[in-house]
Amino acid sequence: MLDKMAFFIYVIRTGSISSAARQFNVSVSAGSRWLQDLEQHFGTTLCHRSNRLLEATQAGQTLYEEFSPIVDKAERVTQKLAGFQDNEKGHINIACTPVYANHYLMDKITEYTRLNPKVTFNINVTPWALDHASTSDLMISANARFQGYREKDLLLVKRELLASPFVVVAAPHYTEQQGLPTQPEDLQDHACLVATTLTGSNEWIFQKGVENIVLKVPKTIEVNDSDLLLRGVSQGAGIAYLPQFVTQDAVESGALIPLLQDFTTSTWSLNLYYHPASVASPVASKFKDFLLNNPC
């Protein structure tokens, strides 16, 4: 019954049976049965569905508040005991923003597993990696530095992995048809491809001298994946504001041209978040060190 109570804690934390089932390495149907068994054991409903997520009832909230600290303490004990085992064996859950997952993370994991074949990984590719802090060992998330971005108050350690200035780019055939913007304000008359998960909003930041320009551009096409954005701008769908490393190959090949180069842009910052040493598992700590030493 204790396992089923711990499972319920993760159902409430993640908002879904399927996410909790992945954490416990059981099927969704088995997880559903566990939840039903638990409700039958206590003789009351413990959760209900609201806005596609499972939320605790009053009885479920009581169970969550009383038992959640016990689950956390049990996990810390487990992780400490794992320190006496082989650090090159275990499982690591990673929540990662798409741009880093697509360009670097899989290569890094492939390299690491060649050296440590007994380490297994689960990668959750999501623009909202920090939302999965309760179920992940490592979170890789990004933000634009000039956006007034306020991070969630999480008890996590933060280290920067990469930093890259944004560049404004378009395909040559787009500018031939629509003209070249010479001032940031000109972008309001153009088709703009927007990824709010990269910049926090559809506001693009420019600076020239001491003047800062915060421009709200049209959301002609909005996606949450920088590689889709790159594909769209390369095909002439409009103008995009992307981290320089994402566009570098396309610019060097002539598939894209940089625009508004007289202006400085904001900086895209990619950060690794992880749990303190007192909580983190040894296998996750070792991979964290590997990633910090080899981010790209």
C-alpha atoms as a PDB file:
ATOM      1  CA  MET A   1       0.000   0.000   0.000  1.00  0.00           C
ATOM      2  CA  LEU A   2       2.913   2.360   0.657  1.00  0.00           C
ATOM      3  CA  ASP A   3       4.009   2.073  -2.992  1.00  0.00           C
ATOM      4  CA  LYS A   4       0.490   2.992  -4.104  1.00  0.00           C
ATOM      5  CA  MET A   5       0.456   5.980  -1.751  1.00  0.00           C
ATOM      6  CA  ALA A   6       3.790   7.122  -3.188  1.00  0.00           C
ATOM      7  CA  PHE A   7       2.328   6.653  -6.669  1.00  0.00           C
ATOM      8  CA  PHE A   8      -0.599   8.907  -5.705  1.00  0.00           C
ATOM      9  CA  ILE A   9       1.861  11.619  -4.621  1.00  0.00           C
ATOM     10  CA  TYR A  10       3.361  11.632  -8.112  1.00  0.00           C
ATOM     11  CA  VAL A  11      -0.082  11.628  -9.744  1.00  0.00           C
ATOM     12  CA  ILE A  12      -0.834  14.910  -7.963  1.00  0.00           C
ATOM     13  CA  ARG A  13       2.636  16.350  -8.615  1.00  0.00           C
ATOM     14  CA  THR A  14       2.525  15.643 -12.338  1.00  0.00           C
ATOM     15  CA  GLY A  15      -1.213  15.962 -12.860  1.00  0.00           C
ATOM     16  CA  SER A  16      -1.543  12.681 -14.724  1.00  0.00           C
ATOM     17  CA  ILE A  17      -1.499   8.928 -14.215  1.00  0.00           C
ATOM     18  CA  SER A  18       0.657   8.400 -17.302  1.00  0.00           C
ATOM     19  CA  SER A  19       3.450  10.680 -16.034  1.00  0.00           C
ATOM     20  CA  ALA A  20       3.408   9.005 -12.629  1.00  0.00           C
ATOM     21  CA  ALA A  21       3.409   5.578 -14.299  1.00  0.00           C
ATOM     22  CA  ARG A  22       6.576   6.484 -16.233  1.00  0.00           C
ATOM     23  CA  GLN A  23       8.218   7.525 -12.988  1.00  0.00           C
ATOM     24  CA  PHE A  24       7.343   4.167 -11.375  1.00  0.00           C
ATOM     25  CA  ASN A  25       8.075   2.164 -14.531  1.00  0.00           C
ATOM     26  CA  VAL A  26       4.585   0.628 -14.660  1.00  0.00           C
ATOM     27  CA  SER A  27       1.890   0.658 -17.327  1.00  0.00           C
ATOM     28  CA  VAL A  28      -0.841   3.293 -17.292  1.00  0.00           C
ATOM     29  CA  SER A  29      -3.455   0.584 -16.710  1.00  0.00           C
ATOM     30  CA  ALA A  30      -1.492  -0.725 -13.712  1.00  0.00           C
ATOM     31  CA  GLY A  31      -1.203   2.816 -12.359  1.00  0.00           C
ATOM     32  CA  SER A  32      -4.964   3.312 -12.744  1.00  0.00           C
ATOM     33  CA  ARG A  33      -5.568   0.099 -10.799  1.00  0.00           C
ATOM     34  CA  TRP A  34      -3.203   1.287  -8.062  1.00  0.00           C
ATOM     35  CA  LEU A  35      -5.180   4.494  -7.742  1.00  0.00           C
ATOM     36  CA  GLN A  36      -8.476   2.610  -7.629  1.00  0.00           C
ATOM     37  CA  ASP A  37      -7.086   0.219  -5.002  1.00  0.00           C
ATOM     38  CA  LEU A  38      -5.962   3.165  -2.902  1.00  0.00           C
ATOM     39  CA  GLU A  39      -9.368   4.856  -3.070  1.00  0.00           C
ATOM     40  CA  GLN A  40     -11.076   1.580  -2.159  1.00  0.00           C
ATOM     41  CA  HIS A  41      -8.670   1.115   0.756  1.00  0.00           C
ATOM     42  CA  PHE A  42      -9.486   4.560   2.192  1.00  0.00           C
ATOM     43  CA  GLY A  43     -13.124   4.438   1.116  1.00  0.00           C
ATOM     44  CA  THR A  44     -13.087   7.863  -0.519  1.00  0.00           C
ATOM     45  CA  THR A  45     -12.243   9.630  -3.784  1.00  0.00           C
ATOM     46  CA  LEU A  46      -8.708  11.022  -3.705  1.00  0.00           C
ATOM     47  CA  CYS A  47      -8.553  12.969  -6.967  1.00  0.00           C
ATOM     48  CA  HIS A  48     -10.699  14.348  -9.768  1.00  0.00           C
ATOM     49  CA  ARG A  49     -10.017  15.653 -13.270  1.00  0.00           C
ATOM     50  CA  SER A  50      -9.867  19.410 -13.813  1.00  0.00           C
ATOM     51  CA  ASN A  51      -8.649  21.108 -17.015  1.00  0.00           C
ATOM     52  CA  ARG A  52      -7.177  17.812 -18.250  1.00  0.00           C
ATOM     53  CA  LEU A  53      -5.148  17.387 -15.043  1.00  0.00           C
ATOM     54  CA  LEU A  54      -5.815  15.275 -11.983  1.00  0.00           C
ATOM     55  CA  GLU A  55      -6.193  17.341  -8.820  1.00  0.00           C
ATOM     56  CA  ALA A  56      -6.545  16.206  -5.218  1.00  0.00           C
ATOM     57  CA  THR A  57      -9.903  16.190  -3.459  1.00  0.00           C
ATOM     58  CA  GLN A  58     -10.001  17.389   0.149  1.00  0.00           C
ATOM     59  CA  ALA A  59      -9.181  13.870   1.329  1.00  0.00           C
ATOM     60  CA  GLY A  60      -6.502  13.520  -1.325  1.00  0.00           C
ATOM     61  CA  GLN A  61      -4.939  16.844  -0.308  1.00  0.00           C
ATOM     62  CA  THR A  62      -4.689  15.616   3.265  1.00  0.00           C
ATOM     63  CA  LEU A  63      -2.937  12.446   2.095  1.00  0.00           C
ATOM     64  CA  TYR A  64      -0.663  14.493  -0.154  1.00  0.00           C
ATOM     65  CA  GLU A  65       0.362  16.946   2.577  1.00  0.00           C
ATOM     66  CA  GLU A  66       0.989  14.238   5.158  1.00  0.00           C
ATOM     67  CA  PHE A  67       2.680  11.623   2.982  1.00  0.00           C
ATOM     68  CA  SER A  68       4.598  13.768   0.471  1.00  0.00           C
ATOM     69  CA  PRO A  69       7.437  14.601   2.933  1.00  0.00           C
ATOM     70  CA  ILE A  70       7.762  10.887   3.717  1.00  0.00           C
ATOM     71  CA  VAL A  71       8.120  10.068   0.005  1.00  0.00           C
ATOM     72  CA  ASP A  72      10.776  12.776  -0.372  1.00  0.00           C
ATOM     73  CA  LYS A  73      12.708  11.531   2.645  1.00  0.00           C
ATOM     74  CA  ALA A  74      12.546   7.937   1.412  1.00  0.00           C
ATOM     75  CA  GLU A  75      13.950   9.026  -1.945  1.00  0.00           C
ATOM     76  CA  ARG A  76      16.789  10.919  -0.260  1.00  0.00           C
ATOM     77  CA  VAL A  77      17.664   7.823   1.762  1.00  0.00           C
ATOM     78  CA  THR A  78      17.594   5.722  -1.412  1.00  0.00           C
ATOM     79  CA  GLN A  79      19.893   8.174  -3.175  1.00  0.00           C
ATOM     80  CA  LYS A  80      22.340   8.212  -0.263  1.00  0.00           C
ATOM     81  CA  LEU A  81      22.468   4.421  -0.226  1.00  0.00           C
ATOM     82  CA  ALA A  82      23.060   4.489  -3.965  1.00  0.00           C
ATOM     83  CA  GLY A  83      26.261   6.356  -3.167  1.00  0.00           C
ATOM     84  CA  PHE A  84      27.673   3.092  -1.878  1.00  0.00           C
ATOM     85  CA  GLN A  85      27.006   1.465  -5.227  1.00  0.00           C
ATOM     86  CA  ASP A  86      28.659   1.809  -8.598  1.00  0.00           C
ATOM     87  CA  ASN A  87      28.222   5.431  -9.736  1.00  0.00           C
ATOM     88  CA  GLU A  88      28.356   4.238 -13.310  1.00  0.00           C
ATOM     89  CA  LYS A  89      25.094   2.325 -12.993  1.00  0.00           C
ATOM     90  CA  GLY A  90      21.586   3.742 -12.700  1.00  0.00           C
ATOM     91  CA  HIS A  91      18.839   5.734 -14.395  1.00  0.00           C
ATOM     92  CA  ILE A  92      18.640   9.472 -15.155  1.00  0.00           C
ATOM     93  CA  ASN A  93      15.507  11.469 -15.976  1.00  0.00           C
ATOM     94  CA  ILE A  94      16.137  14.617 -18.010  1.00  0.00           C
ATOM     95  CA  ALA A  95      13.667  17.348 -19.006  1.00  0.00           C
ATOM     96  CA  CYS A  96      15.173  19.399 -21.821  1.00  0.00           C
ATOM     97  CA  THR A  97      14.223  22.275 -24.076  1.00  0.00           C
ATOM     98  CA  PRO A  98      13.882  21.163 -27.744  1.00  0.00           C
ATOM     99  CA  VAL A  99      16.679  23.306 -29.189  1.00  0.00           C
ATOM    100  CA  TYR A 100      19.365  21.757 -26.959  1.00  0.00           C
ATOM    101  CA  ALA A 101      17.876  18.264 -27.203  1.00  0.00           C
ATOM    102  CA  ASN A 102      17.914  18.400 -31.005  1.00  0.00           C
ATOM    103  CA  HIS A 103      21.353  19.944 -31.443  1.00  0.00           C
ATOM    104  CA  TYR A 104      23.481  18.582 -28.605  1.00  0.00           C
ATOM    105  CA  LEU A 105      21.920  16.430 -25.903  1.00  0.00           C
ATOM    106  CA  MET A 106      21.461  13.201 -27.840  1.00  0.00           C
ATOM    107  CA  ASP A 107      25.082  13.347 -29.014  1.00  0.00           C
ATOM    108  CA  LYS A 108      26.244  13.875 -25.431  1.00  0.00           C
ATOM    109  CA  ILE A 109      24.147  10.970 -24.122  1.00  0.00           C
ATOM    110  CA  THR A 110      25.343   8.689 -26.929  1.00  0.00           C
ATOM    111  CA  GLU A 111      28.935   9.529 -26.062  1.00  0.00           C
ATOM    112  CA  TYR A 112      28.304   8.973 -22.353  1.00  0.00           C
ATOM    113  CA  THR A 113      26.550   5.628 -22.723  1.00  0.00           C
ATOM    114  CA  ARG A 114      29.477   4.277 -24.760  1.00  0.00           C
ATOM    115  CA  LEU A 115      31.637   4.878 -21.696  1.00  0.00           C
ATOM    116  CA  ASN A 116      28.937   3.931 -19.166  1.00  0.00           C
ATOM    117  CA  PRO A 117      26.745   1.242 -20.735  1.00  0.00           C
ATOM    118  CA  LYS A 118      24.900   0.491 -17.463  1.00  0.00           C
ATOM    119  CA  VAL A 119      23.448   4.016 -17.247  1.00  0.00           C
ATOM    120  CA  THR A 120      19.978   4.461 -18.768  1.00  0.00           C
ATOM    121  CA  PHE A 121      18.166   7.681 -19.663  1.00  0.00           C
ATOM    122  CA  ASN A 122      14.665   9.025 -20.108  1.00  0.00           C
ATOM    123  CA  ILE A 123      14.507  12.312 -22.044  1.00  0.00           C
ATOM    124  CA  ASN A 124      11.418  14.502 -21.826  1.00  0.00           C
ATOM    125  CA  VAL A 125      11.723  17.091 -24.613  1.00  0.00           C
ATOM    126  CA  THR A 126       9.679  20.102 -23.533  1.00  0.00           C
ATOM    127  CA  PRO A 127       9.941  23.905 -23.664  1.00  0.00           C
ATOM    128  CA  TRP A 128       8.838  23.939 -20.016  1.00  0.00           C
ATOM    129  CA  ALA A 129      11.543  21.779 -18.468  1.00  0.00           C
ATOM    130  CA  LEU A 130      11.363  23.423 -15.041  1.00  0.00           C
ATOM    131  CA  ASP A 131       7.752  22.319 -14.693  1.00  0.00           C
ATOM    132  CA  HIS A 132       9.132  18.769 -14.375  1.00  0.00           C
ATOM    133  CA  ALA A 133      11.586  19.455 -11.534  1.00  0.00           C
ATOM    134  CA  SER A 134       9.760  17.090  -9.174  1.00  0.00           C
ATOM    135  CA  THR A 135      10.188  14.110 -11.512  1.00  0.00           C
ATOM    136  CA  SER A 136      13.533  14.883 -13.190  1.00  0.00           C
ATOM    137  CA  ASP A 137      17.151  14.621 -12.121  1.00  0.00           C
ATOM    138  CA  LEU A 138      18.330  17.314 -14.531  1.00  0.00           C
ATOM    139  CA  MET A 139      16.432  20.155 -16.201  1.00  0.00           C
ATOM    140  CA  ILE A 140      17.787  22.074 -19.197  1.00  0.00           C
ATOM    141  CA  SER A 141      15.917  25.290 -19.871  1.00  0.00           C
ATOM    142  CA  ALA A 142      16.526  28.585 -21.678  1.00  0.00           C
ATOM    143  CA  ASN A 143      15.480  32.211 -21.479  1.00  0.00           C
ATOM    144  CA  ALA A 144      16.292  35.555 -23.080  1.00  0.00           C
ATOM    145  CA  ARG A 145      18.279  37.690 -20.663  1.00  0.00           C
ATOM    146  CA  PHE A 146      16.701  41.049 -21.535  1.00  0.00           C
ATOM    147  CA  GLN A 147      13.111  39.921 -21.129  1.00  0.00           C
ATOM    148  CA  GLY A 148      12.624  40.659 -17.461  1.00  0.00           C
ATOM    149  CA  TYR A 149      12.332  36.915 -17.038  1.00  0.00           C
ATOM    150  CA  ARG A 150      11.653  35.746 -13.472  1.00  0.00           C
ATOM    151  CA  GLU A 151      12.491  32.173 -12.710  1.00  0.00           C
ATOM    152  CA  LYS A 152      10.406  29.946 -10.534  1.00  0.00           C
ATOM    153  CA  ASP A 153      11.486  29.778  -6.925  1.00  0.00           C
ATOM    154  CA  LEU A 154      12.877  26.254  -7.028  1.00  0.00           C
ATOM    155  CA  LEU A 155      15.401  24.701  -4.678  1.00  0.00           C
ATOM    156  CA  LEU A 156      17.746  23.899  -7.552  1.00  0.00           C
ATOM    157  CA  VAL A 157      21.327  24.660  -8.490  1.00  0.00           C
ATOM    158  CA  LYS A 158      21.711  26.608 -11.750  1.00  0.00           C
ATOM    159  CA  ARG A 159      24.716  26.575 -14.119  1.00  0.00           C
ATOM    160  CA  GLU A 160      24.883  28.149 -17.553  1.00  0.00           C
ATOM    161  CA  LEU A 161      25.659  25.737 -20.387  1.00  0.00           C
ATOM    162  CA  LEU A 162      25.526  28.022 -23.422  1.00  0.00           C
ATOM    163  CA  ALA A 163      24.987  31.677 -24.274  1.00  0.00           C
ATOM    164  CA  SER A 164      24.282  32.973 -27.760  1.00  0.00           C
ATOM    165  CA  PRO A 165      23.130  36.354 -29.108  1.00  0.00           C
ATOM    166  CA  PHE A 166      19.904  36.421 -31.074  1.00  0.00           C
ATOM    167  CA  VAL A 167      20.095  37.256 -34.779  1.00  0.00           C
ATOM    168  CA  VAL A 168      17.376  38.483 -37.116  1.00  0.00           C
ATOM    169  CA  VAL A 169      17.320  36.390 -40.293  1.00  0.00           C
ATOM    170  CA  ALA A 170      15.320  35.884 -43.469  1.00  0.00           C
ATOM    171  CA  ALA A 171      15.644  33.930 -46.702  1.00  0.00           C
ATOM    172  CA  PRO A 172      17.065  35.932 -49.659  1.00  0.00           C
ATOM    173  CA  HIS A 173      13.963  35.321 -51.770  1.00  0.00           C
ATOM    174  CA  TYR A 174      11.771  36.715 -48.977  1.00  0.00           C
ATOM    175  CA  THR A 175      13.699  40.005 -48.811  1.00  0.00           C
ATOM    176  CA  GLU A 176      13.750  40.248 -52.613  1.00  0.00           C
ATOM    177  CA  GLN A 177       9.948  40.159 -52.609  1.00  0.00           C
ATOM    178  CA  GLN A 178       9.193  42.061 -49.396  1.00  0.00           C
ATOM    179  CA  GLY A 179      12.190  44.364 -49.026  1.00  0.00           C
ATOM    180  CA  LEU A 180      14.844  44.763 -46.348  1.00  0.00           C
ATOM    181  CA  PRO A 181      13.926  46.218 -42.947  1.00  0.00           C
ATOM    182  CA  THR A 182      16.408  48.944 -41.989  1.00  0.00           C
ATOM    183  CA  GLN A 183      14.967  49.756 -38.555  1.00  0.00           C
ATOM    184  CA  PRO A 184      13.446  47.416 -35.968  1.00  0.00           C
ATOM    185  CA  GLU A 185      10.112  49.229 -36.348  1.00  0.00           C
ATOM    186  CA  ASP A 186       9.986  48.075 -39.992  1.00  0.00           C
ATOM    187  CA  LEU A 187       9.396  44.519 -38.746  1.00  0.00           C
ATOM    188  CA  GLN A 188       5.809  45.429 -37.902  1.00  0.00           C
ATOM    189  CA  ASP A 189       5.123  45.486 -41.647  1.00  0.00           C
ATOM    190  CA  HIS A 190       6.647  42.033 -42.218  1.00  0.00           C
ATOM    191  CA  ALA A 191       5.638  38.433 -41.598  1.00  0.00           C
ATOM    192  CA  CYS A 192       7.346  37.379 -38.376  1.00  0.00           C
ATOM    193  CA  LEU A 193       7.981  33.845 -37.109  1.00  0.00           C
ATOM    194  CA  VAL A 194       7.776  33.774 -33.330  1.00  0.00           C
ATOM    195  CA  ALA A 195       8.824  31.295 -30.638  1.00  0.00           C
ATOM    196  CA  THR A 196       7.703  32.656 -27.280  1.00  0.00           C
ATOM    197  CA  THR A 197       9.484  29.730 -25.658  1.00  0.00           C
ATOM    198  CA  LEU A 198      12.761  31.282 -26.858  1.00  0.00           C
ATOM    199  CA  THR A 199      12.077  34.937 -26.017  1.00  0.00           C
ATOM    200  CA  GLY A 200       9.328  34.769 -23.403  1.00  0.00           C
ATOM    201  CA  SER A 201       6.880  36.702 -25.597  1.00  0.00           C
ATOM    202  CA  ASN A 202       6.587  38.194 -29.095  1.00  0.00           C
ATOM    203  CA  GLU A 203       8.717  41.147 -27.959  1.00  0.00           C
ATOM    204  CA  TRP A 204      12.088  41.329 -29.721  1.00  0.00           C
ATOM    205  CA  ILE A 205      14.845  43.353 -28.068  1.00  0.00           C
ATOM    206  CA  PHE A 206      17.235  45.686 -29.897  1.00  0.00           C
ATOM    207  CA  GLN A 207      19.876  48.103 -28.677  1.00  0.00           C
ATOM    208  CA  LYS A 208      21.865  50.800 -30.440  1.00  0.00           C
ATOM    209  CA  GLY A 209      24.115  52.961 -28.306  1.00  0.00           C
ATOM    210  CA  VAL A 210      22.199  53.746 -25.139  1.00  0.00           C
ATOM    211  CA  GLU A 211      18.783  53.278 -26.739  1.00  0.00           C
ATOM    212  CA  ASN A 212      16.830  50.108 -25.981  1.00  0.00           C
ATOM    213  CA  ILE A 213      13.981  49.134 -28.290  1.00  0.00           C
ATOM    214  CA  VAL A 214      11.402  46.584 -27.171  1.00  0.00           C
ATOM    215  CA  LEU A 215       9.337  45.759 -30.241  1.00  0.00           C
ATOM    216  CA  LYS A 216       6.147  43.706 -30.218  1.00  0.00           C
ATOM    217  CA  VAL A 217       6.212  41.930 -33.595  1.00  0.00           C
ATOM    218  CA  PRO A 218       3.281  40.298 -35.421  1.00  0.00           C
ATOM    219  CA  LYS A 219       2.732  36.614 -34.635  1.00  0.00           C
ATOM    220  CA  THR A 220       2.422  35.522 -38.251  1.00  0.00           C
ATOM    221  CA  ILE A 221       3.529  31.986 -37.345  1.00  0.00           C
ATOM    222  CA  GLU A 222       4.100  30.864 -33.765  1.00  0.00           C
ATOM    223  CA  VAL A 223       5.738  27.574 -32.787  1.00  0.00           C
ATOM    224  CA  ASN A 224       7.598  26.311 -29.710  1.00  0.00           C
ATOM    225  CA  ASP A 225      10.447  24.614 -31.575  1.00  0.00           C
ATOM    226  CA  SER A 226      13.405  26.569 -32.960  1.00  0.00           C
ATOM    227  CA  ASP A 227      14.157  23.970 -35.636  1.00  0.00           C
ATOM    228  CA  LEU A 228      10.639  24.349 -37.045  1.00  0.00           C
ATOM    229  CA  LEU A 229      11.139  28.100 -36.924  1.00  0.00           C
ATOM    230  CA  LEU A 230      14.415  27.728 -38.810  1.00  0.00           C
ATOM    231  CA  ARG A 231      12.721  25.577 -41.432  1.00  0.00           C
ATOM    232  CA  GLY A 232       9.948  28.109 -41.913  1.00  0.00           C
ATOM    233  CA  VAL A 233      12.236  31.100 -42.267  1.00  0.00           C
ATOM    234  CA  SER A 234      14.499  29.169 -44.669  1.00  0.00           C
ATOM    235  CA  GLN A 235      11.481  28.489 -46.872  1.00  0.00           C
ATOM    236  CA  GLY A 236      10.637  32.176 -47.038  1.00  0.00           C
ATOM    237  CA  ALA A 237       7.725  32.286 -44.591  1.00  0.00           C
ATOM    238  CA  GLY A 238       8.988  35.481 -42.966  1.00  0.00           C
ATOM    239  CA  ILE A 239      11.583  36.922 -40.606  1.00  0.00           C
ATOM    240  CA  ALA A 240      12.780  35.154 -37.443  1.00  0.00           C
ATOM    241  CA  TYR A 241      14.688  36.067 -34.268  1.00  0.00           C
ATOM    242  CA  LEU A 242      16.794  33.033 -33.372  1.00  0.00           C
ATOM    243  CA  PRO A 243      19.918  32.171 -31.373  1.00  0.00           C
ATOM    244  CA  GLN A 244      22.976  32.632 -33.564  1.00  0.00           C
ATOM    245  CA  PHE A 245      24.184  29.040 -33.238  1.00  0.00           C
ATOM    246  CA  VAL A 246      20.875  27.769 -34.632  1.00  0.00           C
ATOM    247  CA  THR A 247      21.226  29.863 -37.804  1.00  0.00           C
ATOM    248  CA  GLN A 248      24.998  29.690 -38.297  1.00  0.00           C
ATOM    249  CA  ASP A 249      25.103  26.926 -40.925  1.00  0.00           C
ATOM    250  CA  ALA A 250      22.213  28.412 -42.919  1.00  0.00           C
ATOM    251  CA  VAL A 251      23.842  31.872 -42.903  1.00  0.00           C
ATOM    252  CA  GLU A 252      27.220  30.477 -43.966  1.00  0.00           C
ATOM    253  CA  SER A 253      25.594  28.562 -46.847  1.00  0.00           C
ATOM    254  CA  GLY A 254      23.647  31.616 -48.006  1.00  0.00           C
ATOM    255  CA  ALA A 255      20.252  30.041 -47.273  1.00  0.00           C
ATOM    256  CA  LEU A 256      19.602  32.853 -44.793  1.00  0.00           C
ATOM    257  CA  ILE A 257      20.840  36.426 -44.530  1.00  0.00           C
ATOM    258  CA  PRO A 258      21.261  38.372 -41.266  1.00  0.00           C
ATOM    259  CA  LEU A 259      19.274  41.600 -40.934  1.00  0.00           C
ATOM    260  CA  LEU A 260      19.538  44.737 -38.773  1.00  0.00           C
ATOM    261  CA  GLN A 261      23.185  44.059 -37.992  1.00  0.00           C
ATOM    262  CA  ASP A 262      23.711  47.612 -36.713  1.00  0.00           C
ATOM    263  CA  PHE A 263      21.651  46.709 -33.656  1.00  0.00           C
ATOM    264  CA  THR A 264      22.591  44.568 -30.654  1.00  0.00           C
ATOM    265  CA  THR A 265      20.042  41.960 -29.631  1.00  0.00           C
ATOM    266  CA  SER A 266      19.265  40.156 -26.396  1.00  0.00           C
ATOM    267  CA  THR A 267      21.173  37.032 -25.385  1.00  0.00           C
ATOM    268  CA  TRP A 268      19.762  33.528 -25.358  1.00  0.00           C
ATOM    269  CA  SER A 269      20.948  31.740 -22.224  1.00  0.00           C
ATOM    270  CA  LEU A 270      20.728  27.977 -21.767  1.00  0.00           C
ATOM    271  CA  ASN A 271      20.960  26.714 -18.203  1.00  0.00           C
ATOM    272  CA  LEU A 272      21.332  23.371 -16.479  1.00  0.00           C
ATOM    273  CA  TYR A 273      19.312  22.991 -13.283  1.00  0.00           C
ATOM    274  CA  TYR A 274      19.919  20.154 -10.865  1.00  0.00           C
ATOM    275  CA  HIS A 275      19.165  19.126  -7.314  1.00  0.00           C
ATOM    276  CA  PRO A 276      21.668  19.858  -4.513  1.00  0.00           C
ATOM    277  CA  ALA A 277      24.246  17.192  -3.680  1.00  0.00           C
ATOM    278  CA  SER A 278      22.317  16.210  -0.551  1.00  0.00           C
ATOM    279  CA  VAL A 279      19.376  15.180  -2.734  1.00  0.00           C
ATOM    280  CA  ALA A 280      20.856  14.252  -6.130  1.00  0.00           C
ATOM    281  CA  SER A 281      21.676  10.639  -7.002  1.00  0.00           C
ATOM    282  CA  PRO A 282      25.354   9.809  -7.603  1.00  0.00           C
ATOM    283  CA  VAL A 283      24.716   8.673 -11.184  1.00  0.00           C
ATOM    284  CA  ALA A 284      22.908  11.939 -12.020  1.00  0.00           C
ATOM    285  CA  SER A 285      25.670  13.976 -10.374  1.00  0.00           C
ATOM    286  CA  LYS A 286      28.313  12.253 -12.447  1.00  0.00           C
ATOM    287  CA  PHE A 287      26.470  12.887 -15.725  1.00  0.00           C
ATOM    288  CA  LYS A 288      25.842  16.484 -14.644  1.00  0.00           C
ATOM    289  CA  ASP A 289      29.599  17.009 -14.269  1.00  0.00           C
ATOM    290  CA  PHE A 290      30.178  15.418 -17.673  1.00  0.00           C
ATOM    291  CA  LEU A 291      27.633  17.752 -19.282  1.00  0.00           C
ATOM    292  CA  LEU A 292      29.065  20.869 -17.630  1.00  0.00           C
ATOM    293  CA  ASN A 293      32.514  19.965 -18.918  1.00  0.00           C
ATOM    294  CA  ASN A 294      31.206  19.083 -22.402  1.00  0.00           C
ATOM    295  CA  PRO A 295      28.090  21.211 -23.086  1.00  0.00           C
ATOM    296  CA  CYS A 296      28.334  21.148 -26.885  1.00  0.00           C
END
